[in-house]
Protein backbone atom coordinates (compact mmCIF):
# COMPACT_ATOMS: atom_id res chain seq x y z
CA MET A 1 -8.40 46.31 -93.38
CA ASN A 2 -9.33 44.54 -90.15
CA THR A 3 -12.54 42.44 -89.77
CA LEU A 4 -15.08 42.93 -86.95
CA LEU A 5 -17.24 39.97 -86.12
CA ILE A 6 -20.61 41.03 -84.64
CA ILE A 7 -22.61 38.39 -82.65
CA GLY A 8 -26.31 39.34 -82.46
CA ALA A 9 -26.02 41.44 -85.56
CA LYS A 10 -29.83 42.13 -85.90
CA SER A 11 -30.08 44.26 -82.83
CA ASP A 12 -30.44 48.00 -83.25
CA ILE A 13 -27.13 48.77 -81.45
CA ALA A 14 -25.28 46.10 -83.48
CA LYS A 15 -26.58 47.68 -86.71
CA ALA A 16 -25.40 51.07 -85.57
CA VAL A 17 -22.00 49.71 -84.55
CA ALA A 18 -21.79 48.07 -88.03
CA HIS A 19 -22.31 51.43 -89.57
CA ALA A 20 -19.67 53.10 -87.33
CA TYR A 21 -16.99 50.55 -88.00
CA ALA A 22 -17.73 50.36 -91.81
CA ALA A 23 -17.37 54.09 -91.97
CA ASN A 24 -14.05 53.54 -90.17
CA ARG A 25 -12.98 51.13 -92.97
CA SER A 26 -13.46 47.88 -91.13
CA HIS A 27 -14.77 44.74 -93.00
CA LEU A 28 -17.60 43.07 -91.17
CA ALA A 29 -18.78 39.57 -90.42
CA LEU A 30 -22.39 39.67 -89.24
CA ALA A 31 -23.79 36.65 -87.36
CA ALA A 32 -27.28 36.08 -86.15
CA ARG A 33 -30.30 33.71 -86.33
CA ARG A 34 -32.32 34.13 -89.46
CA VAL A 35 -29.39 36.12 -90.81
CA ALA A 36 -30.97 36.33 -94.28
CA GLU A 37 -33.01 39.07 -92.88
CA LEU A 38 -29.82 41.22 -92.93
CA GLU A 39 -29.16 40.80 -96.65
CA HIS A 40 -30.47 44.23 -97.58
CA PHE A 41 -28.67 45.87 -94.72
CA ALA A 42 -25.41 44.17 -95.60
CA GLN A 43 -25.75 45.17 -99.27
CA ASP A 44 -26.29 48.76 -98.31
CA LEU A 45 -23.07 48.62 -96.16
CA ARG A 46 -21.06 47.11 -99.09
CA ILE A 47 -22.20 49.83 -101.48
CA ARG A 48 -22.10 52.80 -99.14
CA TYR A 49 -18.69 52.06 -97.51
CA ARG A 50 -17.04 49.75 -100.15
CA ILE A 51 -16.18 47.11 -97.61
CA ASN A 52 -16.56 43.34 -97.44
CA VAL A 53 -19.68 42.21 -95.45
CA SER A 54 -20.27 38.53 -94.86
CA LEU A 55 -23.38 37.02 -93.37
CA HIS A 56 -23.36 33.93 -91.01
CA GLU A 57 -26.32 31.95 -89.75
CA PHE A 58 -25.52 31.45 -86.06
CA ASP A 59 -27.54 30.53 -82.93
CA LEU A 60 -25.51 31.63 -79.87
CA SER A 61 -27.59 29.32 -77.59
CA ASP A 62 -26.43 26.30 -79.53
CA ILE A 63 -23.16 25.71 -77.73
CA ALA A 64 -22.16 22.73 -79.89
CA SER A 65 -22.18 25.03 -82.97
CA HIS A 66 -19.62 27.53 -81.60
CA ARG A 67 -16.42 25.72 -82.65
CA PRO A 68 -17.61 24.75 -86.14
CA PHE A 69 -18.86 28.29 -86.83
CA TYR A 70 -15.65 29.88 -85.75
CA ASP A 71 -13.49 27.40 -87.54
CA ALA A 72 -15.30 28.20 -90.79
CA LEU A 73 -14.63 31.93 -90.56
CA HIS A 74 -12.07 33.09 -93.08
CA PRO A 75 -10.38 35.42 -92.47
CA LYS A 76 -10.39 35.27 -88.73
CA PRO A 77 -11.73 38.53 -87.16
CA GLN A 78 -9.37 41.04 -85.32
CA GLY A 79 -12.33 42.10 -83.19
CA VAL A 80 -15.46 40.65 -81.77
CA LEU A 81 -18.62 42.61 -80.57
CA MET A 82 -20.87 40.52 -78.45
CA ALA A 83 -24.23 42.25 -78.98
CA ALA A 84 -26.67 39.35 -78.41
CA GLY A 85 -29.30 40.09 -75.79
CA TYR A 86 -32.69 39.05 -74.55
CA MET A 87 -35.01 40.83 -72.16
CA THR A 88 -38.47 39.70 -71.16
CA GLU A 89 -40.69 41.34 -68.53
CA GLN A 90 -39.60 40.60 -65.02
CA ALA A 91 -43.05 39.10 -64.16
CA GLN A 92 -42.65 36.64 -67.02
CA ALA A 93 -39.19 35.62 -65.94
CA GLN A 94 -40.36 35.19 -62.28
CA ARG A 95 -43.33 32.89 -63.37
CA HIS A 96 -41.66 30.85 -66.16
CA CYS A 97 -38.52 29.03 -65.74
CA ASP A 98 -37.89 28.84 -69.47
CA GLU A 99 -37.87 32.60 -69.64
CA THR A 100 -35.41 32.82 -66.76
CA LEU A 101 -33.04 30.31 -68.49
CA GLN A 102 -33.37 32.09 -71.85
CA THR A 103 -32.45 35.37 -70.14
CA ILE A 104 -29.42 33.85 -68.42
CA SER A 105 -28.26 31.95 -71.48
CA VAL A 106 -28.47 34.81 -74.07
CA ASN A 107 -27.15 37.46 -71.77
CA PHE A 108 -24.51 35.44 -69.93
CA SER A 109 -23.72 31.73 -70.17
CA ALA A 110 -23.79 31.32 -73.95
CA ASP A 111 -21.78 34.54 -74.34
CA VAL A 112 -19.11 33.24 -71.95
CA CYS A 113 -18.82 29.97 -73.81
CA PHE A 114 -18.31 31.69 -77.10
CA LEU A 115 -15.92 34.37 -75.74
CA ASN A 116 -13.78 31.72 -74.00
CA MET A 117 -13.09 30.37 -77.50
CA ILE A 118 -12.41 33.84 -78.90
CA ALA A 119 -10.12 34.70 -76.00
CA ASN A 120 -7.99 31.52 -76.47
CA ASP A 121 -7.47 32.33 -80.05
CA PHE A 122 -6.74 36.05 -79.57
CA GLU A 123 -4.35 35.18 -76.68
CA GLN A 124 -2.39 32.78 -78.91
CA ARG A 125 -2.27 35.42 -81.66
CA ARG A 126 -1.41 38.11 -79.09
CA GLU A 127 -3.74 40.58 -80.92
CA GLY A 128 -7.40 41.58 -81.16
CA PHE A 129 -10.12 43.18 -79.13
CA ILE A 130 -13.31 42.13 -77.50
CA VAL A 131 -16.27 44.35 -76.84
CA GLY A 132 -19.17 43.00 -74.65
CA ILE A 133 -22.40 44.85 -74.36
CA SER A 134 -23.55 44.47 -70.76
CA SER A 135 -25.92 46.96 -69.06
CA VAL A 136 -26.25 49.35 -66.18
CA ALA A 137 -28.92 46.94 -64.98
CA GLY A 138 -26.11 44.73 -63.72
CA ASP A 139 -24.62 47.34 -61.34
CA ARG A 140 -27.32 46.70 -58.72
CA GLY A 141 -30.29 44.35 -58.48
CA ARG A 142 -33.61 46.13 -58.64
CA GLN A 143 -36.99 44.57 -58.33
CA SER A 144 -38.14 45.76 -61.80
CA ASN A 145 -35.53 43.71 -63.78
CA TYR A 146 -33.27 41.82 -61.37
CA ILE A 147 -33.20 38.53 -63.46
CA TYR A 148 -31.98 40.36 -66.44
CA GLY A 149 -29.72 42.49 -64.22
CA ALA A 150 -28.18 39.34 -62.60
CA ALA A 151 -27.31 37.92 -66.04
CA LYS A 152 -25.65 41.26 -66.95
CA ALA A 153 -23.89 41.51 -63.64
CA GLY A 154 -22.38 38.09 -64.27
CA PHE A 155 -21.38 39.07 -67.80
CA SER A 156 -19.71 42.29 -66.47
CA ALA A 157 -17.73 40.31 -63.88
CA TYR A 158 -16.63 37.81 -66.63
CA LEU A 159 -15.45 40.66 -68.87
CA SER A 160 -13.46 42.08 -65.98
CA GLY A 161 -11.74 38.81 -65.34
CA LEU A 162 -11.10 38.34 -69.14
CA ARG A 163 -9.64 41.75 -69.32
CA ASN A 164 -7.33 41.01 -66.45
CA ARG A 165 -6.24 37.69 -68.06
CA LEU A 166 -5.68 39.02 -71.59
CA TYR A 167 -3.94 42.27 -70.76
CA ALA A 168 -0.46 40.62 -70.83
CA SER A 169 -1.22 39.30 -74.33
CA GLY A 170 -2.07 42.71 -75.72
CA VAL A 171 -5.77 41.93 -76.18
CA HIS A 172 -8.13 44.72 -75.28
CA VAL A 173 -11.43 43.79 -73.52
CA MET A 174 -14.00 46.52 -73.12
CA THR A 175 -17.27 46.33 -71.16
CA VAL A 176 -20.05 48.54 -72.47
CA LYS A 177 -22.81 49.51 -70.00
CA PRO A 178 -25.63 51.37 -71.80
CA GLY A 179 -28.45 52.98 -69.93
CA PHE A 180 -31.83 53.57 -71.57
CA VAL A 181 -31.56 53.10 -75.36
CA ASN A 182 -34.34 53.58 -77.88
CA THR A 183 -34.40 50.16 -79.51
CA LYS A 184 -36.86 47.34 -80.42
CA MET A 185 -36.01 45.69 -77.10
CA THR A 186 -37.30 48.74 -75.10
CA ALA A 187 -40.26 49.44 -77.36
CA GLY A 188 -43.41 50.18 -75.38
CA MET A 189 -41.38 51.19 -72.23
CA ASN A 190 -42.00 54.69 -70.89
CA LEU A 191 -38.44 55.89 -71.05
CA PRO A 192 -37.32 59.37 -69.90
CA LYS A 193 -36.25 61.24 -72.99
CA ALA A 194 -33.42 63.19 -71.32
CA LEU A 195 -31.79 59.90 -70.29
CA THR A 196 -32.39 57.84 -73.31
CA ALA A 197 -29.77 57.45 -76.07
CA GLN A 198 -30.17 56.56 -79.80
CA PRO A 199 -28.35 53.44 -81.02
CA CYS A 200 -26.11 55.63 -83.24
CA GLU A 201 -24.90 57.49 -80.11
CA ILE A 202 -24.00 54.24 -78.39
CA ALA A 203 -22.20 53.05 -81.55
CA GLU A 204 -20.03 56.17 -81.74
CA ASP A 205 -19.17 55.87 -78.11
CA ILE A 206 -18.21 52.19 -78.59
CA LEU A 207 -15.98 52.96 -81.61
CA ASN A 208 -14.23 55.89 -79.98
CA ALA A 209 -13.78 54.18 -76.61
CA GLN A 210 -12.43 51.01 -78.14
CA GLN A 211 -9.83 52.89 -80.20
CA ARG A 212 -8.76 54.74 -77.06
CA GLY A 213 -8.46 51.46 -75.04
CA VAL A 214 -11.10 52.27 -72.54
CA ASP A 215 -11.88 49.47 -70.13
CA VAL A 216 -15.44 50.18 -68.98
CA LEU A 217 -17.70 52.39 -71.03
CA TYR A 218 -20.92 53.85 -69.68
CA SER A 219 -23.09 55.26 -72.48
CA LYS A 220 -24.34 57.87 -72.23
CA TRP A 221 -21.54 59.09 -69.96
CA PHE A 222 -23.79 60.32 -67.17
CA TRP A 223 -24.93 56.80 -66.35
CA ARG A 224 -21.60 56.31 -64.58
CA TYR A 225 -22.61 58.83 -62.02
CA ILE A 226 -26.31 57.79 -61.81
CA MET A 227 -25.24 54.23 -61.09
CA LEU A 228 -22.62 55.38 -58.57
CA VAL A 229 -25.30 57.06 -56.53
CA ILE A 230 -27.56 54.00 -56.81
CA ARG A 231 -24.72 51.68 -55.65
CA CYS A 232 -24.05 53.87 -52.65
CA ILE A 233 -27.62 53.77 -51.29
CA PRO A 234 -27.46 51.55 -48.11
CA GLU A 235 -29.23 48.23 -48.46
CA SER A 236 -31.44 49.00 -45.50
CA LEU A 237 -32.87 51.90 -47.47
CA PHE A 238 -32.57 50.48 -50.94
CA LYS A 239 -34.70 47.39 -50.25
CA LYS A 240 -37.67 49.73 -49.42
CA MET A 241 -37.42 51.65 -52.68
CA ARG A 242 -39.45 50.83 -55.82
CA LEU A 243 -36.91 50.90 -58.64
């Protein structure tokens, strides 16, 4: 069986993806800060699906730790899910530079550094897949979350270039753009129920799309068309809107 490495494994979406791939008979390597908090979760996966689940302490923001962490993984994964994310209130990011830098690091720059290493390995092996969780927030900057959105826009552009680079090597790169999702990260937000997905729905979309070789996945599906409309609004009108 293949092994999926999940970075940011404590997020609600990451846990749901772990269930989806475990049910599909994939072994799992779960990496996160304070990863011991996942021990009960990992044991449940082992018993329920009869797969191997390993836990790995890992701070994505610590760039110097990337190579030692990956070198110590045995066996090496056939797939990587980048599920790390950080979202603070826009007002906090505007006022505090450390919040801005944390948002950019966890959602973009640290991800890029890690995935560059993965891409080099997969390209040499001429196999594997990379799934990066971006966001519809990156499709157009809006005053309500443009710092987070800018980081996700950069991540989406990076994944597009990586997909272009690795295609000839047989490595699949998929960009996932969720809309509203009912998670700990969005707790307290007044999200419209009709447009809000559960993590398990996102996970099933990811598994099915990755197996079909989809390049860009909007989840739920209707966000592709919502964001198409938003991108098409002329800037002269868009700048006057409160979104």
